[in-house]
Amino acid sequence: MSPDMRTEGHRPTTVKIIVSGGFGAGKTTLISAASEIEPLTTEEYLTEVSDGIDFLAGVERKATTTVALDFGRLTFREQQMVLYLFGTPGQDRFWFTWDDLVVGAVGAMVLIDTRRLADGFAAVSYFEQTGIPFVVAINEFNDAPYRYSPAEVRAALEVPDRVPVVRCDARVPSSVITVLLTLVDHALTYEYEQPRPSAPMEQPHAV
């Protein structure tokens, strides 16, 4: 399936997708790679104010961070479907925004940086609690000291068997599109089987 402009005379189905994960996992890069429009980003430069707050081990060269959200759009003409991509902030000090961002979401992608594997725990736990269908995408950074297999990541993060765990290169549009389509398929299959909470969930906690 290939993304394209929407077909004339038909109203496509709009689908809200959350792109989540730890600090520096590649969320902004992924949305920028996939979006057919100039993505909206809320990136700010890291400053001395964040020293001792933002843990940079493994991402020492990162100079900016998302402070509110990222937004992009991707249209599939044949499927009459438009994906609206919303990227969450990665640092725990901005996690209070997650509950608002996920409202109306059909599914979520948890992007994993194997250099900081433990950062994925909070996002996996959050979407398990909310009941929003999600997939885990392993972003394969060139400088990662070790390439974990999907099975190893599933075991390390205690990801349920029903949740797809796939490899991804957040810089490559075709790779990102494959993951997004996997998520949509998973959401259509499991959306109505997931328990929905009657009260707001607690904010995710850092591990």
N, C-alpha and C. Protein backbone atom coordinates (compact mmCIF):
# COMPACT_ATOMS: atom_id res chain seq x y z
N MET A 1 0.84 -1.19 0.00
CA MET A 1 0.00 0.00 0.00
C MET A 1 0.88 1.24 0.00
N SER A 2 0.54 2.21 -0.81
CA SER A 2 1.37 3.40 -0.92
C SER A 2 0.59 4.64 -0.57
N PRO A 3 1.22 5.60 0.18
CA PRO A 3 0.54 6.83 0.52
C PRO A 3 0.41 7.73 -0.68
N ASP A 4 -0.67 8.50 -0.79
CA ASP A 4 -0.86 9.41 -1.89
C ASP A 4 -1.89 10.44 -1.47
N MET A 5 -2.23 11.35 -2.36
CA MET A 5 -3.24 12.35 -2.07
C MET A 5 -4.62 11.70 -2.07
N ARG A 6 -5.55 12.30 -1.37
CA ARG A 6 -6.89 11.72 -1.24
C ARG A 6 -7.66 11.76 -2.57
N THR A 7 -8.49 10.75 -2.78
CA THR A 7 -9.26 10.63 -4.01
C THR A 7 -10.38 11.65 -4.04
N GLU A 8 -10.59 12.30 -5.20
CA GLU A 8 -11.63 13.29 -5.33
C GLU A 8 -13.01 12.66 -5.17
N GLY A 9 -13.90 13.39 -4.48
CA GLY A 9 -15.27 12.95 -4.36
C GLY A 9 -15.53 11.96 -3.24
N HIS A 10 -14.50 11.62 -2.47
CA HIS A 10 -14.67 10.67 -1.38
C HIS A 10 -14.08 11.26 -0.11
N ARG A 11 -14.73 10.99 0.99
CA ARG A 11 -14.23 11.45 2.28
C ARG A 11 -13.44 10.31 2.93
N PRO A 12 -12.16 10.47 3.11
CA PRO A 12 -11.36 9.39 3.69
C PRO A 12 -11.62 9.23 5.18
N THR A 13 -11.31 8.07 5.69
CA THR A 13 -11.38 7.81 7.12
C THR A 13 -10.15 8.42 7.79
N THR A 14 -10.36 9.23 8.82
CA THR A 14 -9.24 9.84 9.53
C THR A 14 -8.90 9.00 10.77
N VAL A 15 -7.63 8.79 10.97
CA VAL A 15 -7.16 7.93 12.05
C VAL A 15 -6.08 8.67 12.84
N LYS A 16 -6.29 8.83 14.13
CA LYS A 16 -5.32 9.49 14.99
C LYS A 16 -4.36 8.44 15.56
N ILE A 17 -3.07 8.67 15.35
CA ILE A 17 -2.03 7.76 15.80
C ILE A 17 -1.08 8.50 16.73
N ILE A 18 -0.72 7.89 17.84
CA ILE A 18 0.24 8.45 18.78
C ILE A 18 1.60 7.81 18.55
N VAL A 19 2.63 8.65 18.45
CA VAL A 19 4.01 8.16 18.35
C VAL A 19 4.69 8.52 19.66
N SER A 20 5.02 7.48 20.43
CA SER A 20 5.53 7.69 21.78
C SER A 20 6.87 6.99 21.97
N GLY A 21 7.41 7.12 23.15
CA GLY A 21 8.70 6.50 23.45
C GLY A 21 9.54 7.39 24.32
N GLY A 22 10.71 6.93 24.67
CA GLY A 22 11.58 7.66 25.57
C GLY A 22 12.26 8.85 24.93
N PHE A 23 12.96 9.61 25.74
CA PHE A 23 13.70 10.79 25.30
C PHE A 23 14.77 10.39 24.30
N GLY A 24 14.75 11.01 23.11
CA GLY A 24 15.77 10.74 22.11
C GLY A 24 15.57 9.48 21.31
N ALA A 25 14.38 8.88 21.39
CA ALA A 25 14.15 7.61 20.68
C ALA A 25 13.97 7.78 19.18
N GLY A 26 13.71 9.01 18.71
CA GLY A 26 13.56 9.25 17.28
C GLY A 26 12.16 9.60 16.83
N LYS A 27 11.30 10.04 17.74
CA LYS A 27 9.90 10.30 17.41
C LYS A 27 9.76 11.44 16.40
N THR A 28 10.47 12.54 16.63
CA THR A 28 10.39 13.67 15.71
C THR A 28 10.92 13.29 14.33
N THR A 29 12.02 12.56 14.31
CA THR A 29 12.60 12.09 13.04
C THR A 29 11.61 11.22 12.29
N LEU A 30 10.95 10.31 13.00
CA LEU A 30 10.00 9.39 12.38
C LEU A 30 8.83 10.14 11.76
N ILE A 31 8.25 11.08 12.49
CA ILE A 31 7.11 11.83 11.97
C ILE A 31 7.54 12.68 10.78
N SER A 32 8.71 13.27 10.85
CA SER A 32 9.21 14.07 9.74
C SER A 32 9.43 13.22 8.49
N ALA A 33 9.89 11.99 8.68
CA ALA A 33 10.15 11.09 7.55
C ALA A 33 8.86 10.65 6.87
N ALA A 34 7.81 10.45 7.65
CA ALA A 34 6.57 9.89 7.10
C ALA A 34 5.59 10.94 6.61
N SER A 35 5.64 12.14 7.17
CA SER A 35 4.61 13.14 6.90
C SER A 35 4.66 13.66 5.46
N GLU A 36 3.48 13.80 4.86
CA GLU A 36 3.38 14.34 3.51
C GLU A 36 3.32 15.86 3.52
N ILE A 37 3.17 16.44 4.70
CA ILE A 37 3.17 17.89 4.87
C ILE A 37 4.39 18.27 5.71
N GLU A 38 4.71 19.55 5.72
CA GLU A 38 5.77 20.02 6.60
C GLU A 38 5.32 19.77 8.04
N PRO A 39 6.04 18.92 8.78
CA PRO A 39 5.55 18.57 10.12
C PRO A 39 5.61 19.76 11.08
N LEU A 40 4.65 19.78 11.99
CA LEU A 40 4.67 20.75 13.08
C LEU A 40 5.49 20.16 14.20
N THR A 41 6.49 20.88 14.65
CA THR A 41 7.31 20.41 15.76
C THR A 41 7.38 21.49 16.82
N THR A 42 7.60 21.08 18.05
CA THR A 42 7.78 22.03 19.15
C THR A 42 9.12 21.75 19.80
N GLU A 43 10.15 21.72 18.98
CA GLU A 43 11.50 21.43 19.46
C GLU A 43 12.13 22.69 20.04
N GLU A 44 12.79 22.51 21.18
CA GLU A 44 13.55 23.59 21.80
C GLU A 44 14.95 23.08 22.10
N TYR A 45 15.92 23.98 22.10
CA TYR A 45 17.29 23.58 22.40
C TYR A 45 17.44 23.23 23.87
N LEU A 46 18.21 22.17 24.12
CA LEU A 46 18.57 21.83 25.48
C LEU A 46 19.53 22.88 26.02
N THR A 47 19.33 23.32 27.23
CA THR A 47 20.17 24.34 27.83
C THR A 47 20.70 23.87 29.17
N GLU A 48 21.45 24.72 29.82
CA GLU A 48 22.00 24.38 31.13
C GLU A 48 20.90 24.15 32.16
N VAL A 49 19.72 24.72 31.90
CA VAL A 49 18.60 24.55 32.83
C VAL A 49 18.22 23.08 32.97
N SER A 50 18.42 22.31 31.88
CA SER A 50 18.03 20.90 31.90
C SER A 50 19.11 20.00 32.48
N ASP A 51 20.28 20.54 32.81
CA ASP A 51 21.34 19.74 33.41
C ASP A 51 20.85 19.11 34.70
N GLY A 52 21.06 17.81 34.82
CA GLY A 52 20.61 17.10 36.00
C GLY A 52 19.17 16.68 35.95
N ILE A 53 18.45 17.11 34.90
CA ILE A 53 17.03 16.76 34.74
C ILE A 53 16.87 15.79 33.58
N ASP A 54 17.41 16.16 32.41
CA ASP A 54 17.34 15.30 31.23
C ASP A 54 18.57 14.40 31.19
N PHE A 55 18.34 13.11 31.28
CA PHE A 55 19.41 12.11 31.31
C PHE A 55 19.87 11.84 29.88
N LEU A 56 21.11 12.21 29.54
CA LEU A 56 21.57 12.16 28.16
C LEU A 56 22.46 10.97 27.84
N ALA A 57 22.63 10.04 28.76
CA ALA A 57 23.48 8.88 28.49
C ALA A 57 22.96 8.13 27.27
N GLY A 58 23.83 7.95 26.27
CA GLY A 58 23.44 7.26 25.05
C GLY A 58 22.99 8.20 23.95
N VAL A 59 22.62 9.43 24.32
CA VAL A 59 22.18 10.42 23.32
C VAL A 59 22.90 11.75 23.58
N GLU A 60 24.18 11.67 23.84
CA GLU A 60 24.95 12.85 24.22
C GLU A 60 24.94 13.94 23.16
N ARG A 61 24.79 13.58 21.89
CA ARG A 61 24.82 14.56 20.81
C ARG A 61 23.46 15.22 20.56
N LYS A 62 22.44 14.82 21.30
CA LYS A 62 21.11 15.41 21.10
C LYS A 62 21.12 16.85 21.61
N ALA A 63 20.70 17.79 20.76
CA ALA A 63 20.74 19.21 21.10
C ALA A 63 19.37 19.82 21.33
N THR A 64 18.29 19.14 20.87
CA THR A 64 16.95 19.68 21.00
C THR A 64 16.02 18.63 21.60
N THR A 65 14.85 19.09 22.04
CA THR A 65 13.87 18.17 22.60
C THR A 65 12.46 18.68 22.33
N THR A 66 11.51 17.76 22.19
CA THR A 66 10.10 18.12 22.01
C THR A 66 9.51 18.50 23.36
N VAL A 67 8.87 19.67 23.42
CA VAL A 67 8.33 20.13 24.69
C VAL A 67 6.81 20.09 24.74
N ALA A 68 6.15 19.85 23.63
CA ALA A 68 4.68 19.75 23.64
C ALA A 68 4.22 18.58 22.77
N LEU A 69 4.41 18.68 21.46
CA LEU A 69 4.02 17.59 20.57
C LEU A 69 4.65 17.81 19.20
N ASP A 70 4.65 16.75 18.41
CA ASP A 70 4.97 16.82 16.98
C ASP A 70 3.70 16.41 16.24
N PHE A 71 3.54 16.91 15.01
CA PHE A 71 2.34 16.56 14.25
C PHE A 71 2.70 16.38 12.78
N GLY A 72 2.16 15.32 12.19
CA GLY A 72 2.32 15.10 10.76
C GLY A 72 1.09 14.42 10.20
N ARG A 73 1.03 14.32 8.87
CA ARG A 73 -0.13 13.71 8.20
C ARG A 73 0.35 12.80 7.08
N LEU A 74 -0.35 11.69 6.92
CA LEU A 74 -0.02 10.73 5.86
C LEU A 74 -1.31 10.18 5.27
N THR A 75 -1.48 10.33 3.95
CA THR A 75 -2.71 9.92 3.27
C THR A 75 -2.48 8.67 2.44
N PHE A 76 -3.41 7.71 2.53
CA PHE A 76 -3.40 6.51 1.70
C PHE A 76 -4.61 6.57 0.79
N ARG A 77 -4.39 6.79 -0.51
CA ARG A 77 -5.49 6.99 -1.45
C ARG A 77 -6.31 5.73 -1.64
N GLU A 78 -5.65 4.60 -1.89
CA GLU A 78 -6.38 3.36 -2.19
C GLU A 78 -7.23 2.92 -1.01
N GLN A 79 -6.72 3.11 0.20
CA GLN A 79 -7.44 2.69 1.40
C GLN A 79 -8.39 3.77 1.92
N GLN A 80 -8.39 4.96 1.26
CA GLN A 80 -9.24 6.07 1.70
C GLN A 80 -9.04 6.33 3.20
N MET A 81 -7.77 6.51 3.56
CA MET A 81 -7.43 6.65 4.97
C MET A 81 -6.37 7.75 5.14
N VAL A 82 -6.59 8.60 6.12
CA VAL A 82 -5.61 9.63 6.46
C VAL A 82 -5.15 9.42 7.89
N LEU A 83 -3.85 9.29 8.08
CA LEU A 83 -3.29 9.15 9.41
C LEU A 83 -2.83 10.51 9.92
N TYR A 84 -3.27 10.87 11.10
CA TYR A 84 -2.77 12.06 11.77
C TYR A 84 -1.82 11.58 12.88
N LEU A 85 -0.57 11.97 12.76
CA LEU A 85 0.47 11.48 13.66
C LEU A 85 0.77 12.52 14.74
N PHE A 86 0.64 12.12 15.99
CA PHE A 86 0.92 13.00 17.12
C PHE A 86 2.06 12.41 17.93
N GLY A 87 3.17 13.15 18.01
CA GLY A 87 4.31 12.67 18.78
C GLY A 87 4.30 13.25 20.18
N THR A 88 4.54 12.41 21.17
CA THR A 88 4.55 12.85 22.57
C THR A 88 5.94 13.29 22.99
N PRO A 89 6.03 14.16 24.00
CA PRO A 89 7.33 14.48 24.59
C PRO A 89 7.91 13.24 25.26
N GLY A 90 9.23 13.14 25.29
CA GLY A 90 9.85 11.96 25.88
C GLY A 90 10.22 12.09 27.33
N GLN A 91 10.55 13.31 27.79
CA GLN A 91 10.99 13.46 29.17
C GLN A 91 9.83 13.32 30.14
N ASP A 92 10.12 12.76 31.30
CA ASP A 92 9.05 12.52 32.28
C ASP A 92 8.45 13.82 32.78
N ARG A 93 9.17 14.96 32.73
CA ARG A 93 8.61 16.22 33.21
C ARG A 93 7.51 16.76 32.30
N PHE A 94 7.36 16.18 31.07
CA PHE A 94 6.30 16.60 30.17
C PHE A 94 5.22 15.53 30.01
N TRP A 95 5.28 14.46 30.79
CA TRP A 95 4.32 13.38 30.64
C TRP A 95 2.90 13.76 31.04
N PHE A 96 2.76 14.89 31.73
CA PHE A 96 1.40 15.31 32.09
C PHE A 96 0.57 15.63 30.85
N THR A 97 1.22 15.82 29.70
CA THR A 97 0.49 16.13 28.46
C THR A 97 -0.09 14.89 27.79
N TRP A 98 0.39 13.71 28.17
CA TRP A 98 0.00 12.48 27.46
C TRP A 98 -1.51 12.24 27.49
N ASP A 99 -2.14 12.43 28.65
CA ASP A 99 -3.57 12.13 28.76
C ASP A 99 -4.40 12.95 27.78
N ASP A 100 -3.99 14.18 27.52
CA ASP A 100 -4.71 15.01 26.56
C ASP A 100 -4.40 14.58 25.13
N LEU A 101 -3.15 14.25 24.85
CA LEU A 101 -2.75 13.90 23.48
C LEU A 101 -3.41 12.61 23.00
N VAL A 102 -3.63 11.65 23.90
CA VAL A 102 -4.14 10.35 23.46
C VAL A 102 -5.65 10.31 23.28
N VAL A 103 -6.35 11.36 23.65
CA VAL A 103 -7.81 11.37 23.51
C VAL A 103 -8.18 11.19 22.03
N GLY A 104 -9.00 10.18 21.75
CA GLY A 104 -9.45 9.92 20.39
C GLY A 104 -8.49 9.11 19.54
N ALA A 105 -7.37 8.68 20.13
CA ALA A 105 -6.38 7.92 19.36
C ALA A 105 -6.87 6.50 19.10
N VAL A 106 -6.65 6.03 17.88
CA VAL A 106 -7.00 4.66 17.50
C VAL A 106 -5.90 3.69 17.92
N GLY A 107 -4.66 4.17 17.92
CA GLY A 107 -3.56 3.29 18.28
C GLY A 107 -2.31 4.11 18.56
N ALA A 108 -1.27 3.42 19.04
CA ALA A 108 -0.03 4.10 19.39
C ALA A 108 1.17 3.25 18.98
N MET A 109 2.25 3.93 18.66
CA MET A 109 3.53 3.29 18.40
C MET A 109 4.48 3.66 19.52
N VAL A 110 5.10 2.68 20.15
CA VAL A 110 6.12 2.93 21.16
C VAL A 110 7.47 2.70 20.49
N LEU A 111 8.19 3.80 20.28
CA LEU A 111 9.49 3.73 19.61
C LEU A 111 10.57 3.45 20.65
N ILE A 112 11.39 2.45 20.37
CA ILE A 112 12.40 2.00 21.32
C ILE A 112 13.80 2.31 20.79
N ASP A 113 14.61 2.91 21.65
CA ASP A 113 16.03 3.13 21.38
C ASP A 113 16.79 2.08 22.18
N THR A 114 17.46 1.15 21.50
CA THR A 114 18.12 0.05 22.21
C THR A 114 19.32 0.53 23.02
N ARG A 115 19.77 1.77 22.80
CA ARG A 115 20.84 2.32 23.63
C ARG A 115 20.30 2.70 25.01
N ARG A 116 18.99 2.88 25.09
CA ARG A 116 18.32 3.28 26.35
C ARG A 116 17.04 2.44 26.47
N LEU A 117 17.23 1.14 26.48
CA LEU A 117 16.10 0.21 26.40
C LEU A 117 15.11 0.39 27.54
N ALA A 118 15.60 0.66 28.74
CA ALA A 118 14.72 0.78 29.90
C ALA A 118 13.74 1.94 29.77
N ASP A 119 14.04 2.93 28.91
CA ASP A 119 13.14 4.06 28.73
C ASP A 119 11.80 3.64 28.14
N GLY A 120 11.74 2.46 27.53
CA GLY A 120 10.49 2.00 26.93
C GLY A 120 9.48 1.48 27.92
N PHE A 121 9.91 1.16 29.15
CA PHE A 121 9.00 0.58 30.13
C PHE A 121 7.79 1.48 30.39
N ALA A 122 8.04 2.77 30.60
CA ALA A 122 6.95 3.69 30.99
C ALA A 122 5.88 3.77 29.90
N ALA A 123 6.30 3.88 28.64
CA ALA A 123 5.33 3.99 27.55
C ALA A 123 4.54 2.69 27.38
N VAL A 124 5.23 1.56 27.42
CA VAL A 124 4.55 0.27 27.30
C VAL A 124 3.51 0.13 28.41
N SER A 125 3.91 0.47 29.64
CA SER A 125 2.99 0.38 30.78
C SER A 125 1.80 1.32 30.61
N TYR A 126 2.07 2.52 30.13
CA TYR A 126 0.99 3.50 29.97
C TYR A 126 -0.09 3.00 29.01
N PHE A 127 0.33 2.51 27.85
CA PHE A 127 -0.67 2.08 26.86
C PHE A 127 -1.33 0.76 27.26
N GLU A 128 -0.64 -0.05 28.04
CA GLU A 128 -1.29 -1.23 28.59
C GLU A 128 -2.41 -0.81 29.53
N GLN A 129 -2.18 0.20 30.36
CA GLN A 129 -3.18 0.66 31.32
C GLN A 129 -4.38 1.31 30.63
N THR A 130 -4.10 2.13 29.61
CA THR A 130 -5.20 2.83 28.95
C THR A 130 -6.00 1.93 28.04
N GLY A 131 -5.43 0.81 27.62
CA GLY A 131 -6.14 -0.09 26.72
C GLY A 131 -6.06 0.34 25.27
N ILE A 132 -5.25 1.34 24.94
CA ILE A 132 -5.08 1.76 23.55
C ILE A 132 -4.19 0.75 22.83
N PRO A 133 -4.64 0.19 21.70
CA PRO A 133 -3.80 -0.77 20.97
C PRO A 133 -2.48 -0.11 20.57
N PHE A 134 -1.38 -0.86 20.71
CA PHE A 134 -0.09 -0.28 20.36
C PHE A 134 0.84 -1.35 19.80
N VAL A 135 1.86 -0.88 19.09
CA VAL A 135 2.95 -1.74 18.64
C VAL A 135 4.25 -1.17 19.18
N VAL A 136 5.25 -2.03 19.29
CA VAL A 136 6.58 -1.60 19.71
C VAL A 136 7.48 -1.63 18.48
N ALA A 137 8.13 -0.50 18.19
CA ALA A 137 9.01 -0.39 17.03
C ALA A 137 10.44 -0.14 17.50
N ILE A 138 11.35 -1.02 17.12
CA ILE A 138 12.75 -0.90 17.52
C ILE A 138 13.47 -0.02 16.52
N ASN A 139 13.85 1.18 16.94
CA ASN A 139 14.55 2.11 16.06
C ASN A 139 16.03 1.73 16.04
N GLU A 140 16.51 1.29 14.90
CA GLU A 140 17.86 0.73 14.81
C GLU A 140 18.89 1.83 14.51
N PHE A 141 19.42 2.44 15.56
CA PHE A 141 20.44 3.47 15.42
C PHE A 141 21.76 2.83 15.00
N ASN A 142 22.50 3.54 14.14
CA ASN A 142 23.77 3.01 13.65
C ASN A 142 24.80 2.83 14.76
N ASP A 143 24.75 3.70 15.79
CA ASP A 143 25.76 3.64 16.83
C ASP A 143 25.32 2.83 18.05
N ALA A 144 24.22 2.10 17.93
CA ALA A 144 23.80 1.25 19.05
C ALA A 144 24.85 0.17 19.30
N PRO A 145 25.25 -0.03 20.55
CA PRO A 145 26.29 -1.02 20.84
C PRO A 145 25.87 -2.45 20.56
N TYR A 146 24.56 -2.69 20.55
CA TYR A 146 24.07 -4.05 20.32
C TYR A 146 22.70 -3.97 19.66
N ARG A 147 22.46 -4.82 18.69
CA ARG A 147 21.15 -4.86 18.02
C ARG A 147 20.32 -5.98 18.63
N TYR A 148 19.31 -5.59 19.37
CA TYR A 148 18.44 -6.57 20.01
C TYR A 148 17.39 -7.06 19.01
N SER A 149 17.08 -8.32 19.08
CA SER A 149 16.04 -8.88 18.24
C SER A 149 14.67 -8.51 18.82
N PRO A 150 13.61 -8.56 18.01
CA PRO A 150 12.26 -8.31 18.54
C PRO A 150 11.94 -9.21 19.74
N ALA A 151 12.36 -10.45 19.70
CA ALA A 151 12.09 -11.36 20.81
C ALA A 151 12.79 -10.91 22.08
N GLU A 152 14.03 -10.41 21.94
CA GLU A 152 14.77 -9.94 23.11
C GLU A 152 14.13 -8.69 23.70
N VAL A 153 13.69 -7.78 22.83
CA VAL A 153 13.03 -6.56 23.31
C VAL A 153 11.70 -6.90 23.99
N ARG A 154 10.95 -7.83 23.40
CA ARG A 154 9.69 -8.25 24.00
C ARG A 154 9.91 -8.78 25.41
N ALA A 155 10.93 -9.63 25.57
CA ALA A 155 11.22 -10.21 26.88
C ALA A 155 11.71 -9.15 27.86
N ALA A 156 12.60 -8.26 27.41
CA ALA A 156 13.18 -7.26 28.29
C ALA A 156 12.14 -6.27 28.81
N LEU A 157 11.19 -5.88 27.94
CA LEU A 157 10.17 -4.90 28.32
C LEU A 157 8.86 -5.54 28.75
N GLU A 158 8.83 -6.88 28.79
CA GLU A 158 7.64 -7.62 29.20
C GLU A 158 6.42 -7.22 28.36
N VAL A 159 6.63 -7.17 27.05
CA VAL A 159 5.56 -6.81 26.13
C VAL A 159 4.66 -8.03 25.91
N PRO A 160 3.34 -7.91 26.07
CA PRO A 160 2.44 -9.04 25.88
C PRO A 160 2.55 -9.65 24.49
N ASP A 161 2.28 -10.93 24.38
CA ASP A 161 2.40 -11.64 23.11
C ASP A 161 1.50 -11.06 22.02
N ARG A 162 0.37 -10.49 22.41
CA ARG A 162 -0.58 -9.97 21.41
C ARG A 162 -0.08 -8.69 20.75
N VAL A 163 0.94 -8.05 21.32
CA VAL A 163 1.44 -6.77 20.81
C VAL A 163 2.57 -7.01 19.81
N PRO A 164 2.45 -6.53 18.58
CA PRO A 164 3.52 -6.69 17.59
C PRO A 164 4.79 -5.93 18.03
N VAL A 165 5.94 -6.57 17.84
CA VAL A 165 7.23 -5.93 18.06
C VAL A 165 8.01 -6.05 16.76
N VAL A 166 8.36 -4.91 16.16
CA VAL A 166 8.96 -4.92 14.83
C VAL A 166 10.19 -4.01 14.80
N ARG A 167 11.04 -4.22 13.80
CA ARG A 167 12.19 -3.35 13.58
C ARG A 167 11.77 -2.14 12.76
N CYS A 168 12.52 -1.05 12.91
CA CYS A 168 12.17 0.18 12.21
C CYS A 168 13.41 1.06 12.04
N ASP A 169 13.47 1.80 10.95
CA ASP A 169 14.45 2.86 10.77
C ASP A 169 13.66 4.15 10.64
N ALA A 170 13.68 4.97 11.68
CA ALA A 170 12.84 6.16 11.73
C ALA A 170 13.20 7.19 10.68
N ARG A 171 14.34 7.03 10.01
CA ARG A 171 14.76 7.98 8.97
C ARG A 171 14.20 7.63 7.60
N VAL A 172 13.72 6.40 7.44
CA VAL A 172 13.33 5.88 6.12
C VAL A 172 11.81 5.83 6.00
N PRO A 173 11.21 6.63 5.12
CA PRO A 173 9.74 6.66 5.01
C PRO A 173 9.11 5.29 4.81
N SER A 174 9.67 4.45 3.93
CA SER A 174 9.06 3.14 3.67
C SER A 174 9.06 2.27 4.91
N SER A 175 10.10 2.37 5.73
CA SER A 175 10.16 1.60 6.97
C SER A 175 9.10 2.08 7.96
N VAL A 176 8.97 3.39 8.07
CA VAL A 176 7.97 3.97 8.97
C VAL A 176 6.56 3.60 8.53
N ILE A 177 6.31 3.67 7.23
CA ILE A 177 4.98 3.35 6.70
C ILE A 177 4.61 1.90 7.00
N THR A 178 5.58 1.01 6.87
CA THR A 178 5.32 -0.41 7.19
C THR A 178 4.88 -0.58 8.63
N VAL A 179 5.54 0.12 9.55
CA VAL A 179 5.16 0.02 10.96
C VAL A 179 3.78 0.62 11.20
N LEU A 180 3.50 1.75 10.57
CA LEU A 180 2.20 2.39 10.74
C LEU A 180 1.06 1.49 10.25
N LEU A 181 1.27 0.83 9.12
CA LEU A 181 0.24 -0.08 8.62
C LEU A 181 0.08 -1.30 9.52
N THR A 182 1.19 -1.75 10.12
CA THR A 182 1.11 -2.84 11.09
C THR A 182 0.27 -2.41 12.29
N LEU A 183 0.47 -1.16 12.72
CA LEU A 183 -0.30 -0.64 13.85
C LEU A 183 -1.78 -0.53 13.51
N VAL A 184 -2.11 0.01 12.34
CA VAL A 184 -3.52 0.14 11.96
C VAL A 184 -4.19 -1.22 11.91
N ASP A 185 -3.52 -2.20 11.33
CA ASP A 185 -4.07 -3.55 11.26
C ASP A 185 -4.28 -4.12 12.66
N HIS A 186 -3.29 -3.91 13.52
CA HIS A 186 -3.40 -4.40 14.90
C HIS A 186 -4.54 -3.71 15.64
N ALA A 187 -4.67 -2.40 15.45
CA ALA A 187 -5.73 -1.66 16.12
C ALA A 187 -7.10 -2.11 15.67
N LEU A 188 -7.26 -2.37 14.38
CA LEU A 188 -8.55 -2.84 13.86
C LEU A 188 -8.89 -4.21 14.43
N THR A 189 -7.88 -5.04 14.66
CA THR A 189 -8.09 -6.39 15.17
C THR A 189 -8.42 -6.41 16.65
N TYR A 190 -7.72 -5.56 17.42
CA TYR A 190 -7.80 -5.66 18.88
C TYR A 190 -8.50 -4.50 19.58
N GLU A 191 -8.86 -3.47 18.84
CA GLU A 191 -9.39 -2.28 19.49
C GLU A 191 -10.54 -2.55 20.43
N TYR A 192 -11.49 -3.35 19.99
CA TYR A 192 -12.67 -3.58 20.81
C TYR A 192 -12.49 -4.68 21.84
N GLU A 193 -11.32 -5.32 21.83
CA GLU A 193 -11.06 -6.36 22.82
C GLU A 193 -10.30 -5.82 24.02
N GLN A 194 -9.75 -4.60 23.91
CA GLN A 194 -8.98 -4.03 25.00
C GLN A 194 -9.90 -3.41 26.03
N PRO A 195 -9.67 -3.64 27.34
CA PRO A 195 -10.48 -3.01 28.38
C PRO A 195 -10.25 -1.51 28.42
N ARG A 196 -11.32 -0.75 28.55
CA ARG A 196 -11.23 0.69 28.65
C ARG A 196 -11.49 1.12 30.10
N PRO A 197 -10.61 1.93 30.67
CA PRO A 197 -10.79 2.33 32.06
C PRO A 197 -11.95 3.29 32.23
N SER A 198 -12.57 3.28 33.40
CA SER A 198 -13.67 4.18 33.69
C SER A 198 -13.19 5.47 34.32
N ALA A 199 -11.92 5.50 34.74
CA ALA A 199 -11.34 6.68 35.36
C ALA A 199 -9.99 6.96 34.71
N PRO A 200 -9.51 8.23 34.78
CA PRO A 200 -8.22 8.56 34.18
C PRO A 200 -7.09 7.71 34.75
N MET A 201 -6.15 7.35 33.89
CA MET A 201 -5.00 6.58 34.32
C MET A 201 -3.98 7.47 35.01
N GLU A 202 -3.14 6.85 35.83
CA GLU A 202 -2.04 7.58 36.44
C GLU A 202 -1.01 7.90 35.36
N GLN A 203 -0.27 8.99 35.56
CA GLN A 203 0.79 9.33 34.64
C GLN A 203 1.86 8.24 34.66
N PRO A 204 2.55 8.02 33.52
CA PRO A 204 3.62 7.02 33.51
C PRO A 204 4.74 7.44 34.44
N HIS A 205 5.41 6.47 35.01
CA HIS A 205 6.52 6.74 35.93
C HIS A 205 7.80 6.23 35.34
N ALA A 206 8.84 6.99 35.54
CA ALA A 206 10.15 6.58 35.05
C ALA A 206 10.63 5.36 35.80
N VAL A 207 11.38 4.52 35.09
CA VAL A 207 11.93 3.31 35.71
C VAL A 207 13.36 3.56 36.12
